[in-house]
Protein backbone atom coordinates (compact mmCIF):
# COMPACT_ATOMS: atom_id res chain seq x y z
CA MET A 1 122.45 44.19 168.55
CA THR A 2 123.59 47.39 166.89
CA SER A 3 126.14 47.42 164.10
CA LEU A 4 128.12 49.93 162.08
CA THR A 5 128.87 49.52 158.38
CA VAL A 6 131.81 51.44 156.95
CA THR A 7 132.02 51.90 153.18
CA PRO A 8 135.44 52.97 151.89
CA GLY A 9 135.34 56.08 149.78
CA GLY A 10 136.99 59.43 149.42
CA ALA A 11 139.43 61.33 151.56
CA LEU A 12 138.70 62.57 155.07
CA ARG A 13 138.55 66.35 155.04
CA GLY A 14 137.38 69.03 157.43
CA THR A 15 137.60 70.30 160.99
CA LEU A 16 136.06 68.66 164.02
CA THR A 17 136.04 68.58 167.79
CA VAL A 18 136.07 65.44 169.90
CA PRO A 19 134.33 64.78 173.24
CA GLY A 20 135.82 66.09 176.45
CA ASP A 21 138.49 63.84 177.91
CA LYS A 22 136.91 60.85 179.63
CA SER A 23 139.66 60.51 182.23
CA ILE A 24 139.56 64.19 183.15
CA THR A 25 135.75 64.25 183.33
CA HIS A 26 135.65 61.46 185.95
CA ARG A 27 138.17 63.31 188.10
CA ALA A 28 136.61 66.73 187.60
CA LEU A 29 133.25 65.42 188.80
CA ILE A 30 134.71 63.80 191.93
CA LEU A 31 136.84 66.77 192.99
CA SER A 32 133.98 69.20 192.27
CA ALA A 33 131.72 67.09 194.52
CA LEU A 34 134.29 67.35 197.34
CA ALA A 35 134.73 71.11 196.88
CA GLU A 36 132.84 73.67 198.96
CA GLY A 37 130.36 75.35 196.65
CA ASP A 38 129.53 75.26 192.97
CA SER A 39 131.85 74.24 190.13
CA LEU A 40 131.00 74.56 186.45
CA VAL A 41 132.43 71.72 184.36
CA THR A 42 132.24 72.55 180.64
CA ARG A 43 132.91 70.50 177.48
CA TYR A 44 132.69 67.32 179.55
CA CYS A 45 132.50 63.82 178.11
CA ARG A 46 128.88 62.71 177.73
CA GLY A 47 129.80 59.06 177.30
CA GLU A 48 128.02 56.55 179.52
CA ASP A 49 131.16 55.92 181.59
CA CYS A 50 131.26 59.51 182.84
CA LEU A 51 127.49 59.78 183.20
CA ASN A 52 127.61 56.74 185.49
CA THR A 53 130.14 58.51 187.73
CA MET A 54 127.87 61.58 187.73
CA ARG A 55 124.89 59.42 188.74
CA ALA A 56 126.96 57.79 191.48
CA LEU A 57 127.73 61.19 193.02
CA GLN A 58 124.09 62.22 192.71
CA ALA A 59 123.13 59.01 194.54
CA MET A 60 125.47 60.13 197.34
CA GLY A 61 123.67 63.43 197.74
CA ILE A 62 125.57 65.75 195.38
CA PRO A 63 123.27 68.06 193.37
CA ILE A 64 124.37 68.16 189.72
CA GLN A 65 122.53 70.17 187.08
CA GLU A 66 123.11 68.53 183.70
CA GLN A 67 123.12 70.30 180.34
CA PRO A 68 124.54 68.99 177.04
CA ASP A 69 127.66 71.16 177.25
CA ARG A 70 128.05 71.79 180.98
CA LEU A 71 127.52 70.39 184.46
CA LEU A 72 126.94 72.52 187.53
CA VAL A 73 128.20 70.52 190.49
CA SER A 74 127.20 71.77 193.96
CA GLY A 75 130.00 70.43 196.13
CA LYS A 76 129.39 69.64 199.79
CA GLY A 77 132.97 69.60 201.03
CA LEU A 78 135.34 66.79 201.92
CA TRP A 79 132.89 65.09 204.31
CA GLY A 80 129.65 65.92 202.52
CA LEU A 81 128.82 62.62 200.82
CA SER A 82 125.99 60.45 202.16
CA GLU A 83 125.19 56.76 201.95
CA PRO A 84 123.44 55.74 198.70
CA SER A 85 120.22 53.76 198.99
CA GLN A 86 121.12 51.36 196.17
CA PRO A 87 124.27 49.68 194.80
CA ILE A 88 126.20 52.00 192.49
CA ASP A 89 126.38 50.81 188.88
CA CYS A 90 129.62 51.93 187.22
CA GLY A 91 128.64 50.39 183.89
CA ASN A 92 131.69 49.66 181.73
CA SER A 93 134.04 52.05 183.49
CA GLY A 94 137.20 50.70 185.09
CA THR A 95 138.20 54.27 185.92
CA GLY A 96 134.87 54.94 187.62
CA ILE A 97 134.80 51.88 189.83
CA ARG A 98 138.47 52.09 190.87
CA LEU A 99 138.40 55.82 191.65
CA LEU A 100 135.14 55.48 193.56
CA ALA A 101 136.61 52.62 195.60
CA GLY A 102 139.34 54.98 196.78
CA LEU A 103 136.89 57.82 197.40
CA LEU A 104 134.53 55.63 199.44
CA ALA A 105 137.14 53.72 201.45
CA GLY A 106 137.46 56.55 203.98
CA GLN A 107 133.77 57.49 204.31
CA ASP A 108 131.56 56.69 207.31
CA PHE A 109 129.01 54.64 205.37
CA PHE A 110 128.55 51.45 203.35
CA THR A 111 128.51 51.22 199.55
CA VAL A 112 128.35 48.48 196.92
CA LEU A 113 130.13 49.15 193.62
CA THR A 114 129.29 47.02 190.59
CA GLY A 115 129.21 47.24 186.81
CA ASP A 116 128.54 45.35 183.62
CA GLU A 117 129.84 41.90 182.70
CA SER A 118 133.14 43.33 181.47
CA ILE A 119 133.78 45.23 184.71
CA ARG A 120 133.00 42.14 186.75
CA ARG A 121 135.84 40.35 184.92
CA ARG A 122 138.46 43.08 185.34
CA PRO A 123 141.07 43.01 188.13
CA MET A 124 140.21 45.04 191.22
CA GLY A 125 142.87 43.65 193.54
CA ARG A 126 145.37 46.22 192.30
CA VAL A 127 143.39 48.92 194.16
CA VAL A 128 141.74 46.80 196.85
CA LYS A 129 145.02 45.45 198.28
CA PRO A 130 146.76 48.80 198.89
CA LEU A 131 143.50 50.35 200.13
CA ARG A 132 143.28 47.55 202.69
CA VAL A 133 146.82 48.36 203.82
CA MET A 134 145.54 51.89 204.51
CA GLY A 135 142.80 50.35 206.69
CA ALA A 136 139.97 50.04 204.19
CA THR A 137 137.31 47.38 204.66
CA ILE A 138 136.46 46.05 201.20
CA ALA A 139 134.88 42.71 200.32
CA GLY A 140 134.35 41.29 196.86
CA ARG A 141 134.36 38.20 194.73
CA LYS A 142 137.53 36.12 194.92
CA GLY A 143 138.61 37.94 198.04
CA GLY A 144 138.20 41.37 196.51
CA GLU A 145 139.89 40.58 193.21
CA LEU A 146 136.63 41.03 191.32
CA ALA A 147 133.54 43.25 191.51
CA PRO A 148 131.01 43.72 192.96
CA LEU A 149 132.91 45.43 195.76
CA ALA A 150 131.30 46.05 199.15
CA VAL A 151 133.01 49.04 200.76
CA THR A 152 132.50 49.69 204.48
CA GLY A 153 133.92 53.12 205.16
CA SER A 154 136.79 52.98 207.66
CA ARG A 155 139.34 55.19 209.36
CA LEU A 156 142.34 55.25 207.03
CA THR A 157 146.03 55.81 207.67
CA GLY A 158 148.40 57.17 205.04
CA MET A 159 151.18 54.97 203.70
CA ALA A 160 154.17 54.92 201.38
CA TYR A 161 153.21 52.73 198.41
CA GLN A 162 155.50 51.38 195.73
CA SER A 163 153.15 50.50 192.89
CA PRO A 164 154.20 47.46 190.83
CA VAL A 165 152.42 48.88 187.77
CA ALA A 166 152.31 52.31 186.15
CA SER A 167 148.57 52.84 186.47
CA ALA A 168 146.80 56.19 186.71
CA GLN A 169 143.73 54.41 188.06
CA VAL A 170 145.65 52.87 190.96
CA LYS A 171 147.48 56.11 191.69
CA SER A 172 144.29 58.17 191.57
CA SER A 173 142.34 55.76 193.75
CA LEU A 174 145.02 55.94 196.45
CA LEU A 175 145.29 59.74 196.21
CA LEU A 176 141.53 60.07 196.72
CA ALA A 177 141.72 57.72 199.70
CA GLY A 178 144.71 59.72 200.95
CA LEU A 179 142.54 62.83 201.23
CA PHE A 180 140.60 61.07 204.01
CA ALA A 181 143.57 59.34 205.66
CA GLU A 182 145.45 60.40 208.77
CA GLY A 183 149.03 61.33 208.00
CA GLN A 184 150.91 61.30 204.75
CA THR A 185 150.34 59.20 201.65
CA SER A 186 153.10 58.80 199.07
CA ILE A 187 152.95 56.84 195.83
CA THR A 188 155.86 55.80 193.64
CA GLU A 189 155.41 54.17 190.21
CA PRO A 190 157.88 52.21 188.07
CA ARG A 191 157.16 54.65 185.23
CA ARG A 192 155.12 57.79 185.12
CA SER A 193 151.44 57.23 184.35
CA ARG A 194 149.02 59.90 183.14
CA ASP A 195 148.89 62.80 185.59
CA HIS A 196 145.40 64.25 185.23
CA THR A 197 144.65 63.73 188.93
CA GLU A 198 147.71 65.64 190.11
CA ARG A 199 146.98 68.48 187.70
CA LEU A 200 143.37 68.76 188.89
CA PHE A 201 144.45 68.65 192.54
CA ARG A 202 146.63 71.69 191.84
CA PHE A 203 143.88 73.40 189.81
CA PHE A 204 141.53 73.13 192.81
CA GLY A 205 144.29 74.20 195.20
CA ILE A 206 144.70 70.82 196.92
CA PRO A 207 148.31 70.62 198.21
CA ILE A 208 150.23 67.81 196.50
CA ARG A 209 153.95 67.68 195.89
CA GLU A 210 156.65 65.62 194.24
CA GLN A 211 159.57 64.23 196.21
CA GLY A 212 161.91 62.55 193.76
CA ARG A 213 159.75 59.98 191.95
CA ALA A 214 157.09 59.97 194.66
CA LEU A 215 153.82 61.92 194.83
CA VAL A 216 153.13 63.07 198.39
CA LEU A 217 149.79 64.13 199.88
CA ASP A 218 148.93 65.17 203.46
CA GLY A 219 145.58 63.73 204.44
CA ARG A 220 142.59 65.34 206.14
CA PRO A 221 143.41 68.95 205.20
CA ALA A 222 142.40 71.49 207.85
CA THR A 223 140.51 73.53 205.28
CA GLY A 224 138.66 72.44 202.17
CA TRP A 225 138.86 73.92 198.71
CA PRO A 226 136.33 76.15 196.97
CA GLY A 227 134.49 75.30 193.78
CA VAL A 228 135.81 76.77 190.54
CA ASN A 229 134.07 79.23 188.25
CA GLU A 230 134.79 77.07 185.21
CA LEU A 231 136.63 73.86 184.53
CA PRO A 232 136.85 73.36 180.74
CA VAL A 233 137.67 69.75 179.87
CA ALA A 234 140.28 69.24 177.16
CA GLY A 235 139.29 67.31 174.04
CA ASP A 236 139.99 63.60 174.50
CA PHE A 237 143.23 62.60 172.77
CA SER A 238 142.06 58.98 172.80
CA ALA A 239 139.02 60.00 170.74
CA ALA A 240 141.15 62.13 168.42
CA ALA A 241 143.41 59.12 167.84
CA PHE A 242 140.90 57.44 165.52
CA PHE A 243 140.89 60.44 163.19
CA LEU A 244 144.68 60.88 163.40
CA VAL A 245 145.11 57.32 162.13
CA GLY A 246 142.21 57.42 159.65
CA ALA A 247 143.40 60.62 158.01
CA SER A 248 146.97 59.31 157.93
CA LEU A 249 145.88 56.18 156.02
CA VAL A 250 143.27 57.46 153.53
CA PRO A 251 144.96 59.14 150.53
CA GLY A 252 144.24 62.83 150.08
CA SER A 253 143.01 63.37 153.64
CA ASP A 254 143.47 66.65 155.51
CA VAL A 255 141.78 66.91 158.92
CA THR A 256 142.13 69.40 161.79
CA ILE A 257 140.98 68.42 165.28
CA SER A 258 140.45 71.44 167.53
CA GLY A 259 141.13 71.76 171.25
CA VAL A 260 142.71 68.36 171.89
CA GLY A 261 144.48 67.59 175.15
CA VAL A 262 148.21 67.10 174.52
CA ASN A 263 149.27 66.15 178.03
CA PRO A 264 152.76 64.61 177.68
CA THR A 265 151.66 61.54 179.66
CA ARG A 266 148.92 60.82 177.09
CA ILE A 267 150.34 61.43 173.62
CA GLY A 268 152.52 58.40 173.09
CA LEU A 269 150.53 57.61 169.95
CA LEU A 270 151.34 61.03 168.49
CA THR A 271 155.05 60.43 168.96
CA ILE A 272 154.83 56.91 167.54
CA LEU A 273 152.80 57.99 164.50
CA GLN A 274 155.32 60.72 163.75
CA GLU A 275 158.11 58.14 164.05
CA MET A 276 156.16 56.03 161.55
CA GLY A 277 156.16 58.96 159.12
CA ALA A 278 152.80 60.56 159.85
CA ASP A 279 152.26 64.20 158.84
CA ILE A 280 150.80 65.70 162.04
CA GLN A 281 151.21 69.33 163.08
CA VAL A 282 150.62 70.62 166.62
CA LEU A 283 149.09 74.10 166.24
CA ASN A 284 148.05 76.89 168.62
CA PRO A 285 149.30 75.31 171.88
CA ARG A 286 147.70 76.67 175.04
CA GLU A 287 146.64 75.67 178.56
CA GLU A 288 143.20 75.31 180.15
CA ALA A 289 142.39 74.10 183.68
CA GLY A 290 146.00 73.04 184.13
CA GLU A 291 146.04 70.87 181.00
CA PRO A 292 147.96 71.60 177.77
CA ILE A 293 145.76 71.59 174.66
CA ALA A 294 146.34 72.27 170.95
CA ASP A 295 144.83 71.88 167.50
CA LEU A 296 146.11 68.87 165.56
CA ARG A 297 146.29 68.93 161.75
CA VAL A 298 146.87 65.57 160.07
CA ARG A 299 147.37 64.83 156.39
CA ALA A 300 147.72 61.52 154.62
CA ALA A 301 151.20 59.99 154.60
CA SER A 302 152.92 56.65 153.97
CA LEU A 303 153.65 54.95 157.27
CA ARG A 304 156.43 52.50 158.14
CA GLY A 305 156.72 49.88 160.84
CA VAL A 306 158.44 50.64 164.17
CA THR A 307 159.50 48.92 167.38
CA ILE A 308 157.46 49.85 170.46
CA GLY A 309 158.77 48.84 173.89
CA GLU A 310 157.57 48.78 177.48
CA ALA A 311 158.63 52.36 178.23
CA GLN A 312 156.18 53.71 175.62
CA ILE A 313 153.15 51.70 176.72
CA PRO A 314 151.80 53.84 179.63
CA GLN A 315 151.50 56.87 177.34
CA THR A 316 149.86 54.79 174.58
CA ILE A 317 147.76 52.28 176.51
CA ASP A 318 144.30 53.39 175.36
CA GLU A 319 145.34 54.01 171.75
CA PHE A 320 146.79 50.55 171.21
CA PRO A 321 143.83 49.19 169.16
CA VAL A 322 143.95 51.95 166.55
CA LEU A 323 147.76 51.84 166.57
CA CYS A 324 147.42 48.21 165.47
CA VAL A 325 145.38 49.37 162.48
CA ALA A 326 148.10 51.86 161.50
CA ALA A 327 150.79 49.21 161.85
CA ALA A 328 148.83 46.65 159.82
CA TYR A 329 148.55 49.12 156.92
CA ALA A 330 152.12 50.45 157.13
CA LYS A 331 155.18 49.29 155.23
CA GLY A 332 157.37 46.86 157.14
CA ARG A 333 157.19 45.14 160.51
CA THR A 334 155.95 46.60 163.79
CA VAL A 335 156.95 44.88 167.03
CA ILE A 336 155.08 45.71 170.24
CA SER A 337 156.27 44.40 173.63
CA GLY A 338 155.75 45.16 177.30
CA ALA A 339 152.01 45.64 176.81
CA GLY A 340 150.65 42.82 178.98
CA GLU A 341 148.31 45.31 180.69
CA LEU A 342 146.24 45.26 177.49
CA ARG A 343 145.02 41.76 178.27
CA VAL A 344 142.93 43.08 181.20
CA LYS A 345 141.21 46.08 179.59
CA GLU A 346 137.56 46.12 178.44
CA SER A 347 138.60 43.12 176.35
CA ASP A 348 141.91 41.32 175.90
CA ARG A 349 142.98 43.94 173.37
CA ILE A 350 145.98 41.96 172.15
CA ALA A 351 143.80 38.96 171.30
CA THR A 352 140.81 40.91 169.99
CA MET A 353 142.77 43.20 167.68
CA ALA A 354 144.82 40.29 166.34
CA SER A 355 141.65 38.28 165.70
CA GLU A 356 139.65 41.07 164.05
CA LEU A 357 142.45 42.43 161.86
CA ARG A 358 143.24 38.90 160.63
CA LYS A 359 139.67 38.80 159.30
CA MET A 360 140.65 41.77 157.13
CA GLY A 361 143.79 40.04 155.84
CA ALA A 362 146.40 41.33 158.31
CA THR A 363 149.37 39.17 159.26
CA ILE A 364 149.74 39.28 163.05
CA THR A 365 151.52 37.06 165.56
CA GLU A 366 150.50 37.38 169.20
CA THR A 367 153.06 37.28 172.01
CA GLN A 368 152.40 37.12 175.73
CA ASP A 369 152.83 40.88 176.14
CA GLY A 370 152.34 42.26 172.64
CA MET A 371 152.39 41.29 168.99
CA VAL A 372 154.33 41.33 165.74
CA ILE A 373 152.50 42.94 162.82
CA GLU A 374 153.63 42.55 159.20
CA GLY A 375 152.40 45.69 157.46
CA ALA A 376 150.47 45.54 154.20
CA ALA A 377 152.45 48.44 152.70
CA GLY A 378 149.29 50.33 151.78
CA ARG A 379 147.44 47.43 150.16
CA PRO A 380 143.72 47.63 151.01
CA PHE A 381 142.37 45.46 153.78
CA THR A 382 139.72 42.90 152.92
CA GLY A 383 136.21 44.05 153.73
CA ALA A 384 134.89 41.81 156.47
CA SER A 385 132.31 41.29 159.20
CA CYS A 386 133.98 42.07 162.52
CA ARG A 387 133.08 42.06 166.23
CA SER A 388 133.69 44.68 168.87
CA HIS A 389 133.92 42.13 171.73
CA GLY A 390 131.99 44.75 173.73
CA ASP A 391 135.04 47.05 173.65
CA HIS A 392 134.41 50.61 172.45
CA ARG A 393 138.00 51.17 171.31
CA VAL A 394 138.06 47.93 169.33
CA ALA A 395 134.77 48.91 167.63
CA MET A 396 136.03 52.34 166.55
CA SER A 397 139.43 50.99 165.51
CA MET A 398 137.84 48.44 163.19
CA ALA A 399 135.71 51.24 161.71
CA VAL A 400 138.95 53.09 160.90
CA ALA A 401 140.33 49.92 159.29
CA GLY A 402 137.19 49.79 157.16
CA LEU A 403 138.08 53.16 155.62
CA VAL A 404 140.96 51.51 153.73
CA ALA A 405 139.30 48.20 152.86
CA ASP A 406 138.42 46.95 149.38
CA ALA A 407 134.71 46.56 150.23
CA PRO A 408 132.29 47.58 152.99
CA SER A 409 133.00 46.25 156.48
CA ARG A 410 130.48 45.68 159.25
CA ILE A 411 131.31 45.91 162.93
CA ASP A 412 128.77 44.17 165.17
CA ASP A 413 127.81 45.09 168.74
CA THR A 414 128.73 48.77 168.55
CA VAL A 415 126.48 50.03 171.34
CA CYS A 416 129.65 50.02 173.46
CA ILE A 417 130.82 53.14 171.56
CA GLU A 418 128.32 55.05 173.72
CA THR A 419 130.65 54.59 176.71
CA SER A 420 133.12 57.17 175.38
CA PHE A 421 132.18 58.69 171.98
CA PRO A 422 128.41 58.76 171.29
CA GLU A 423 128.82 60.90 168.16
CA PHE A 424 131.63 58.88 166.58
CA GLU A 425 129.66 57.60 163.57
CA ARG A 426 128.22 61.04 162.77
CA LYS A 427 131.62 62.74 163.00
CA LEU A 428 133.19 60.11 160.77
CA LEU A 429 130.44 60.48 158.16
CA GLU A 430 130.79 64.27 158.15
CA LEU A 431 134.48 63.97 157.28
CA THR A 432 133.96 61.36 154.57
CA THR A 433 130.87 62.86 152.94
CA PRO A 434 131.85 64.40 149.56
CA LEU A 435 131.59 68.20 149.44
């Protein structure tokens, strides 16, 4: 079992980049595989989650040349995938397995999708049920509620779907299935979820349109789409979040994170931190591959508690663990509600963050769909031995908490960090090492 020990010390100072966006990398790989010809994906996320999606596409006959900073994907067109000889292992990636389920539902071959212990606990019915309405043939544990999923490619028909949850994974899975379906597919969400899939569809030239609150896609396009000369992946805001919070909490810090994606559907944490009093500047805004990016400069500031409701959760869902750290160190009370989705992530992130931060002296009350956090008003946390619960975001969030503890803190079982941010420890040490 690997572990990470964080010793509190001086301020965080310097400039860094973060890995390419994990969500965008998954989608860029899939759409490049379905394109006709080569696409060059640069600055991609090299975390295990994305590499597992790459391996899945390679197993289905897509040539991909891998280099540390770029992937050359030789797309075979909309109908160019072939049946893999082995079950596809999606590892720890909920995005990977759910998007691949949609992609494979309309193929003419059989596939088994599985993953690690965490993935086999996570709900799959939210994509399996609407895919079955489109005509998909998918079997799985508990009637398709749990992986492994056995997907027998079928002839699909488009549908109008009213999603009960604001989930980019559900939306993206159905859009990918819709490419292979006869007729029109439309998807309406209760609130807008992250829109990386729609942006990449447009970047590749795949016709998709908005009608009111619905996304509409015509299936089985008469012509395919060409590969792209370069698809640069924006820096992952979810990875930047750990340094935004860390530099906000540690006195004297001044950190600039270059080339971060600032898609409006992803930066709920930025808005919340600024509401809490954080000193964060958005510099040099620009656009690459259809995504807005910018440099973020963050300096230490005194934070205060806030109230966070259901409407803010979709834009903050992945940053919730490190947001808890900020709230636990802030002055005053933070109330989070409408976040029940967090109980079915890589871990139950409401329970795990409450449990681990209590070890460091935080005062937290769990609710069914959130928590109430009584901030420590800048008093150091208690150095402690913590667990990641196999959740990469919990592991990195507790490392950030360790920066403002009164003694070293150890986080056990940190191999999970490899799923999204393999260089996290090195980047953190570079910022905290005295000049």
